[in-house]
Amino acid sequence: MIGFNPELYDGTGNGKLPDGVSIVCFHGSPRPWNTALPWVPYFSLKNTIQSKVKQYKLSLR
């Protein structure tokens, strides 16, 4: 586990995770969804809410 730091993002590093790292803690800026790094999972609150609404509607039928 490591904390996200500029070396992973701003070009001073290569943008890749160090070997053996499976958890990255984001604190402050940039936010994970603003990095566009390939190893950061996509997250959208809008998509999450829409998915929950669809599940709810399906259970009512």
PDB file of N, CA and C in Angstrom:
ATOM      1  N   MET A   1       0.849  -1.158   0.000  1.00  0.00           N
ATOM      2  CA  MET A   1       0.000   0.000   0.000  1.00  0.00           C
ATOM      3  C   MET A   1       0.905   1.235   0.000  1.00  0.00           C
ATOM      4  N   ILE A   2       0.535   2.189  -0.865  1.00  0.00           N
ATOM      5  CA  ILE A   2       1.261   3.455  -0.903  1.00  0.00           C
ATOM      6  C   ILE A   2       0.260   4.598  -0.985  1.00  0.00           C
ATOM      7  N   GLY A   3       0.712   5.791  -0.659  1.00  0.00           N
ATOM      8  CA  GLY A   3      -0.087   6.988  -0.868  1.00  0.00           C
ATOM      9  C   GLY A   3       0.217   7.529  -2.254  1.00  0.00           C
ATOM     10  N   PHE A   4      -0.805   8.031  -2.922  1.00  0.00           N
ATOM     11  CA  PHE A   4      -0.601   8.612  -4.241  1.00  0.00           C
ATOM     12  C   PHE A   4       0.264   9.852  -4.088  1.00  0.00           C
ATOM     13  N   ASN A   5       1.245   9.988  -4.972  1.00  0.00           N
ATOM     14  CA  ASN A   5       2.118  11.156  -4.934  1.00  0.00           C
ATOM     15  C   ASN A   5       2.404  11.637  -6.354  1.00  0.00           C
ATOM     16  N   PRO A   6       2.936  12.841  -6.502  1.00  0.00           N
ATOM     17  CA  PRO A   6       3.141  13.404  -7.841  1.00  0.00           C
ATOM     18  C   PRO A   6       4.014  12.556  -8.760  1.00  0.00           C
ATOM     19  N   GLU A   7       4.933  11.773  -8.210  1.00  0.00           N
ATOM     20  CA  GLU A   7       5.789  10.947  -9.060  1.00  0.00           C
ATOM     21  C   GLU A   7       4.986   9.939  -9.876  1.00  0.00           C
ATOM     22  N   LEU A   8       3.814   9.568  -9.386  1.00  0.00           N
ATOM     23  CA  LEU A   8       2.964   8.632 -10.123  1.00  0.00           C
ATOM     24  C   LEU A   8       2.164   9.337 -11.213  1.00  0.00           C
ATOM     25  N   TYR A   9       2.137  10.664 -11.209  1.00  0.00           N
ATOM     26  CA  TYR A   9       1.194  11.375 -12.058  1.00  0.00           C
ATOM     27  C   TYR A   9       1.801  12.438 -12.964  1.00  0.00           C
ATOM     28  N   ASP A  10       2.696  13.261 -12.459  1.00  0.00           N
ATOM     29  CA  ASP A  10       3.045  14.490 -13.164  1.00  0.00           C
ATOM     30  C   ASP A  10       4.179  14.393 -14.174  1.00  0.00           C
ATOM     31  N   GLY A  11       4.622  13.202 -14.491  1.00  0.00           N
ATOM     32  CA  GLY A  11       5.667  13.083 -15.498  1.00  0.00           C
ATOM     33  C   GLY A  11       7.055  12.904 -14.909  1.00  0.00           C
ATOM     34  N   THR A  12       7.236  13.135 -13.608  1.00  0.00           N
ATOM     35  CA  THR A  12       8.549  12.887 -13.028  1.00  0.00           C
ATOM     36  C   THR A  12       8.778  11.394 -12.858  1.00  0.00           C
ATOM     37  N   GLY A  13       7.695  10.652 -12.795  1.00  0.00           N
ATOM     38  CA  GLY A  13       7.754   9.192 -12.774  1.00  0.00           C
ATOM     39  C   GLY A  13       7.219   8.676 -14.096  1.00  0.00           C
ATOM     40  N   ASN A  14       6.978   7.389 -14.177  1.00  0.00           N
ATOM     41  CA  ASN A  14       6.469   6.821 -15.426  1.00  0.00           C
ATOM     42  C   ASN A  14       4.965   6.569 -15.389  1.00  0.00           C
ATOM     43  N   GLY A  15       4.287   6.929 -14.307  1.00  0.00           N
ATOM     44  CA  GLY A  15       2.837   6.748 -14.215  1.00  0.00           C
ATOM     45  C   GLY A  15       2.412   5.334 -13.898  1.00  0.00           C
ATOM     46  N   LYS A  16       3.377   4.456 -13.655  1.00  0.00           N
ATOM     47  CA  LYS A  16       3.063   3.060 -13.346  1.00  0.00           C
ATOM     48  C   LYS A  16       3.228   2.809 -11.857  1.00  0.00           C
ATOM     49  N   LEU A  17       2.497   1.824 -11.383  1.00  0.00           N
ATOM     50  CA  LEU A  17       2.614   1.441  -9.978  1.00  0.00           C
ATOM     51  C   LEU A  17       3.933   0.729  -9.725  1.00  0.00           C
ATOM     52  N   PRO A  18       4.540   0.963  -8.572  1.00  0.00           N
ATOM     53  CA  PRO A  18       5.726   0.198  -8.209  1.00  0.00           C
ATOM     54  C   PRO A  18       5.375  -1.282  -8.045  1.00  0.00           C
ATOM     55  N   ASP A  19       6.329  -2.140  -8.246  1.00  0.00           N
ATOM     56  CA  ASP A  19       6.114  -3.579  -8.073  1.00  0.00           C
ATOM     57  C   ASP A  19       5.621  -3.878  -6.662  1.00  0.00           C
ATOM     58  N   GLY A  20       4.680  -4.795  -6.563  1.00  0.00           N
ATOM     59  CA  GLY A  20       4.177  -5.249  -5.281  1.00  0.00           C
ATOM     60  C   GLY A  20       3.092  -4.384  -4.661  1.00  0.00           C
ATOM     61  N   VAL A  21       2.706  -3.301  -5.324  1.00  0.00           N
ATOM     62  CA  VAL A  21       1.670  -2.420  -4.774  1.00  0.00           C
ATOM     63  C   VAL A  21       0.309  -2.867  -5.276  1.00  0.00           C
ATOM     64  N   SER A  22      -0.631  -3.060  -4.347  1.00  0.00           N
ATOM     65  CA  SER A  22      -1.985  -3.431  -4.747  1.00  0.00           C
ATOM     66  C   SER A  22      -3.027  -2.429  -4.266  1.00  0.00           C
ATOM     67  N   ILE A  23      -2.639  -1.510  -3.383  1.00  0.00           N
ATOM     68  CA  ILE A  23      -3.558  -0.485  -2.882  1.00  0.00           C
ATOM     69  C   ILE A  23      -2.873   0.870  -2.967  1.00  0.00           C
ATOM     70  N   VAL A  24      -3.579   1.850  -3.537  1.00  0.00           N
ATOM     71  CA  VAL A  24      -3.090   3.228  -3.586  1.00  0.00           C
ATOM     72  C   VAL A  24      -4.112   4.105  -2.884  1.00  0.00           C
ATOM     73  N   CYS A  25      -3.664   4.846  -1.886  1.00  0.00           N
ATOM     74  CA  CYS A  25      -4.550   5.753  -1.148  1.00  0.00           C
ATOM     75  C   CYS A  25      -4.442   7.151  -1.745  1.00  0.00           C
ATOM     76  N   PHE A  26      -5.571   7.689  -2.180  1.00  0.00           N
ATOM     77  CA  PHE A  26      -5.615   9.056  -2.692  1.00  0.00           C
ATOM     78  C   PHE A  26      -6.033   9.974  -1.555  1.00  0.00           C
ATOM     79  N   HIS A  27      -5.321  11.062  -1.407  1.00  0.00           N
ATOM     80  CA  HIS A  27      -5.645  12.042  -0.376  1.00  0.00           C
ATOM     81  C   HIS A  27      -5.333  13.413  -0.956  1.00  0.00           C
ATOM     82  N   GLY A  28      -6.354  14.241  -1.047  1.00  0.00           N
ATOM     83  CA  GLY A  28      -6.146  15.570  -1.619  1.00  0.00           C
ATOM     84  C   GLY A  28      -6.255  15.561  -3.125  1.00  0.00           C
ATOM     85  N   SER A  29      -5.401  16.345  -3.752  1.00  0.00           N
ATOM     86  CA  SER A  29      -5.459  16.532  -5.198  1.00  0.00           C
ATOM     87  C   SER A  29      -4.255  15.867  -5.848  1.00  0.00           C
ATOM     88  N   PRO A  30      -4.407  15.264  -7.012  1.00  0.00           N
ATOM     89  CA  PRO A  30      -5.621  15.140  -7.812  1.00  0.00           C
ATOM     90  C   PRO A  30      -6.525  14.037  -7.280  1.00  0.00           C
ATOM     91  N   ARG A  31      -7.772  14.129  -7.607  1.00  0.00           N
ATOM     92  CA  ARG A  31      -8.732  13.087  -7.276  1.00  0.00           C
ATOM     93  C   ARG A  31      -8.518  11.917  -8.233  1.00  0.00           C
ATOM     94  N   PRO A  32      -8.815  10.691  -7.805  1.00  0.00           N
ATOM     95  CA  PRO A  32      -8.575   9.525  -8.668  1.00  0.00           C
ATOM     96  C   PRO A  32      -9.201   9.662 -10.046  1.00  0.00           C
ATOM     97  N   TRP A  33     -10.430  10.160 -10.114  1.00  0.00           N
ATOM     98  CA  TRP A  33     -11.136  10.254 -11.393  1.00  0.00           C
ATOM     99  C   TRP A  33     -10.588  11.355 -12.287  1.00  0.00           C
ATOM    100  N   ASN A  34      -9.686  12.194 -11.771  1.00  0.00           N
ATOM    101  CA  ASN A  34      -9.079  13.240 -12.592  1.00  0.00           C
ATOM    102  C   ASN A  34      -7.711  12.858 -13.133  1.00  0.00           C
ATOM    103  N   THR A  35      -7.208  11.686 -12.789  1.00  0.00           N
ATOM    104  CA  THR A  35      -5.853  11.323 -13.199  1.00  0.00           C
ATOM    105  C   THR A  35      -5.771  10.730 -14.594  1.00  0.00           C
ATOM    106  N   ALA A  36      -6.797  10.020 -15.018  1.00  0.00           N
ATOM    107  CA  ALA A  36      -6.810   9.327 -16.315  1.00  0.00           C
ATOM    108  C   ALA A  36      -5.683   8.305 -16.436  1.00  0.00           C
ATOM    109  N   LEU A  37      -5.218   7.797 -15.311  1.00  0.00           N
ATOM    110  CA  LEU A  37      -4.206   6.748 -15.343  1.00  0.00           C
ATOM    111  C   LEU A  37      -4.890   5.410 -15.597  1.00  0.00           C
ATOM    112  N   PRO A  38      -4.277   4.544 -16.399  1.00  0.00           N
ATOM    113  CA  PRO A  38      -4.944   3.299 -16.786  1.00  0.00           C
ATOM    114  C   PRO A  38      -5.214   2.340 -15.628  1.00  0.00           C
ATOM    115  N   TRP A  39      -4.482   2.435 -14.543  1.00  0.00           N
ATOM    116  CA  TRP A  39      -4.678   1.516 -13.424  1.00  0.00           C
ATOM    117  C   TRP A  39      -5.702   2.022 -12.412  1.00  0.00           C
ATOM    118  N   VAL A  40      -6.262   3.219 -12.624  1.00  0.00           N
ATOM    119  CA  VAL A  40      -7.297   3.747 -11.733  1.00  0.00           C
ATOM    120  C   VAL A  40      -8.652   3.319 -12.281  1.00  0.00           C
ATOM    121  N   PRO A  41      -9.444   2.561 -11.510  1.00  0.00           N
ATOM    122  CA  PRO A  41     -10.739   2.104 -12.021  1.00  0.00           C
ATOM    123  C   PRO A  41     -11.673   3.274 -12.298  1.00  0.00           C
ATOM    124  N   TYR A  42     -12.527   3.099 -13.297  1.00  0.00           N
ATOM    125  CA  TYR A  42     -13.505   4.119 -13.640  1.00  0.00           C
ATOM    126  C   TYR A  42     -14.607   4.108 -12.590  1.00  0.00           C
ATOM    127  N   PHE A  43     -14.993   5.277 -12.144  1.00  0.00           N
ATOM    128  CA  PHE A  43     -16.085   5.383 -11.183  1.00  0.00           C
ATOM    129  C   PHE A  43     -16.971   6.548 -11.572  1.00  0.00           C
ATOM    130  N   SER A  44     -18.242   6.304 -11.632  1.00  0.00           N
ATOM    131  CA  SER A  44     -19.198   7.362 -11.930  1.00  0.00           C
ATOM    132  C   SER A  44     -20.379   7.218 -10.991  1.00  0.00           C
ATOM    133  N   LEU A  45     -20.612   8.221 -10.185  1.00  0.00           N
ATOM    134  CA  LEU A  45     -21.748   8.183  -9.273  1.00  0.00           C
ATOM    135  C   LEU A  45     -23.049   8.111 -10.054  1.00  0.00           C
ATOM    136  N   LYS A  46     -23.113   8.822 -11.172  1.00  0.00           N
ATOM    137  CA  LYS A  46     -24.317   8.800 -12.006  1.00  0.00           C
ATOM    138  C   LYS A  46     -24.620   7.377 -12.468  1.00  0.00           C
ATOM    139  N   ASN A  47     -23.611   6.667 -12.973  1.00  0.00           N
ATOM    140  CA  ASN A  47     -23.817   5.294 -13.436  1.00  0.00           C
ATOM    141  C   ASN A  47     -24.199   4.369 -12.287  1.00  0.00           C
ATOM    142  N   THR A  48     -23.618   4.585 -11.124  1.00  0.00           N
ATOM    143  CA  THR A  48     -23.940   3.763  -9.963  1.00  0.00           C
ATOM    144  C   THR A  48     -25.394   3.947  -9.556  1.00  0.00           C
ATOM    145  N   ILE A  49     -25.846   5.187  -9.512  1.00  0.00           N
ATOM    146  CA  ILE A  49     -27.236   5.469  -9.141  1.00  0.00           C
ATOM    147  C   ILE A  49     -28.194   4.904 -10.179  1.00  0.00           C
ATOM    148  N   GLN A  50     -27.884   5.097 -11.464  1.00  0.00           N
ATOM    149  CA  GLN A  50     -28.751   4.565 -12.517  1.00  0.00           C
ATOM    150  C   GLN A  50     -28.847   3.051 -12.427  1.00  0.00           C
ATOM    151  N   SER A  51     -27.750   2.404 -12.124  1.00  0.00           N
ATOM    152  CA  SER A  51     -27.746   0.948 -11.990  1.00  0.00           C
ATOM    153  C   SER A  51     -28.637   0.508 -10.828  1.00  0.00           C
ATOM    154  N   LYS A  52     -28.558   1.200  -9.712  1.00  0.00           N
ATOM    155  CA  LYS A  52     -29.392   0.859  -8.557  1.00  0.00           C
ATOM    156  C   LYS A  52     -30.869   1.074  -8.868  1.00  0.00           C
ATOM    157  N   VAL A  53     -31.193   2.142  -9.589  1.00  0.00           N
ATOM    158  CA  VAL A  53     -32.583   2.416  -9.958  1.00  0.00           C
ATOM    159  C   VAL A  53     -33.104   1.315 -10.877  1.00  0.00           C
ATOM    160  N   LYS A  54     -32.289   0.899 -11.831  1.00  0.00           N
ATOM    161  CA  LYS A  54     -32.704  -0.176 -12.737  1.00  0.00           C
ATOM    162  C   LYS A  54     -32.961  -1.467 -11.957  1.00  0.00           C
ATOM    163  N   GLN A  55     -32.103  -1.777 -11.003  1.00  0.00           N
ATOM    164  CA  GLN A  55     -32.297  -2.984 -10.197  1.00  0.00           C
ATOM    165  C   GLN A  55     -33.605  -2.904  -9.420  1.00  0.00           C
ATOM    166  N   TYR A  56     -33.909  -1.757  -8.896  1.00  0.00           N
ATOM    167  CA  TYR A  56     -35.133  -1.568  -8.120  1.00  0.00           C
ATOM    168  C   TYR A  56     -36.359  -1.739  -9.006  1.00  0.00           C
ATOM    169  N   LYS A  57     -36.335  -1.134 -10.189  1.00  0.00           N
ATOM    170  CA  LYS A  57     -37.470  -1.251 -11.106  1.00  0.00           C
ATOM    171  C   LYS A  57     -37.675  -2.701 -11.536  1.00  0.00           C
ATOM    172  N   LEU A  58     -36.598  -3.416 -11.775  1.00  0.00           N
ATOM    173  CA  LEU A  58     -36.713  -4.809 -12.195  1.00  0.00           C
ATOM    174  C   LEU A  58     -37.335  -5.667 -11.098  1.00  0.00           C
ATOM    175  N   SER A  59     -37.052  -5.340  -9.856  1.00  0.00           N
ATOM    176  CA  SER A  59     -37.604  -6.156  -8.772  1.00  0.00           C
ATOM    177  C   SER A  59     -39.095  -5.894  -8.562  1.00  0.00           C
ATOM    178  N   LEU A  60     -39.613  -4.780  -9.082  1.00  0.00           N
ATOM    179  CA  LEU A  60     -41.031  -4.474  -8.938  1.00  0.00           C
ATOM    180  C   LEU A  60     -41.893  -5.163  -9.981  1.00  0.00           C
ATOM    181  N   ARG A  61     -41.321  -5.617 -11.055  1.00  0.00           N
ATOM    182  CA  ARG A  61     -42.101  -6.229 -12.139  1.00  0.00           C
ATOM    183  C   ARG A  61     -42.524  -7.622 -11.813  1.00  0.00           C
TER     184      ARG A  61
END
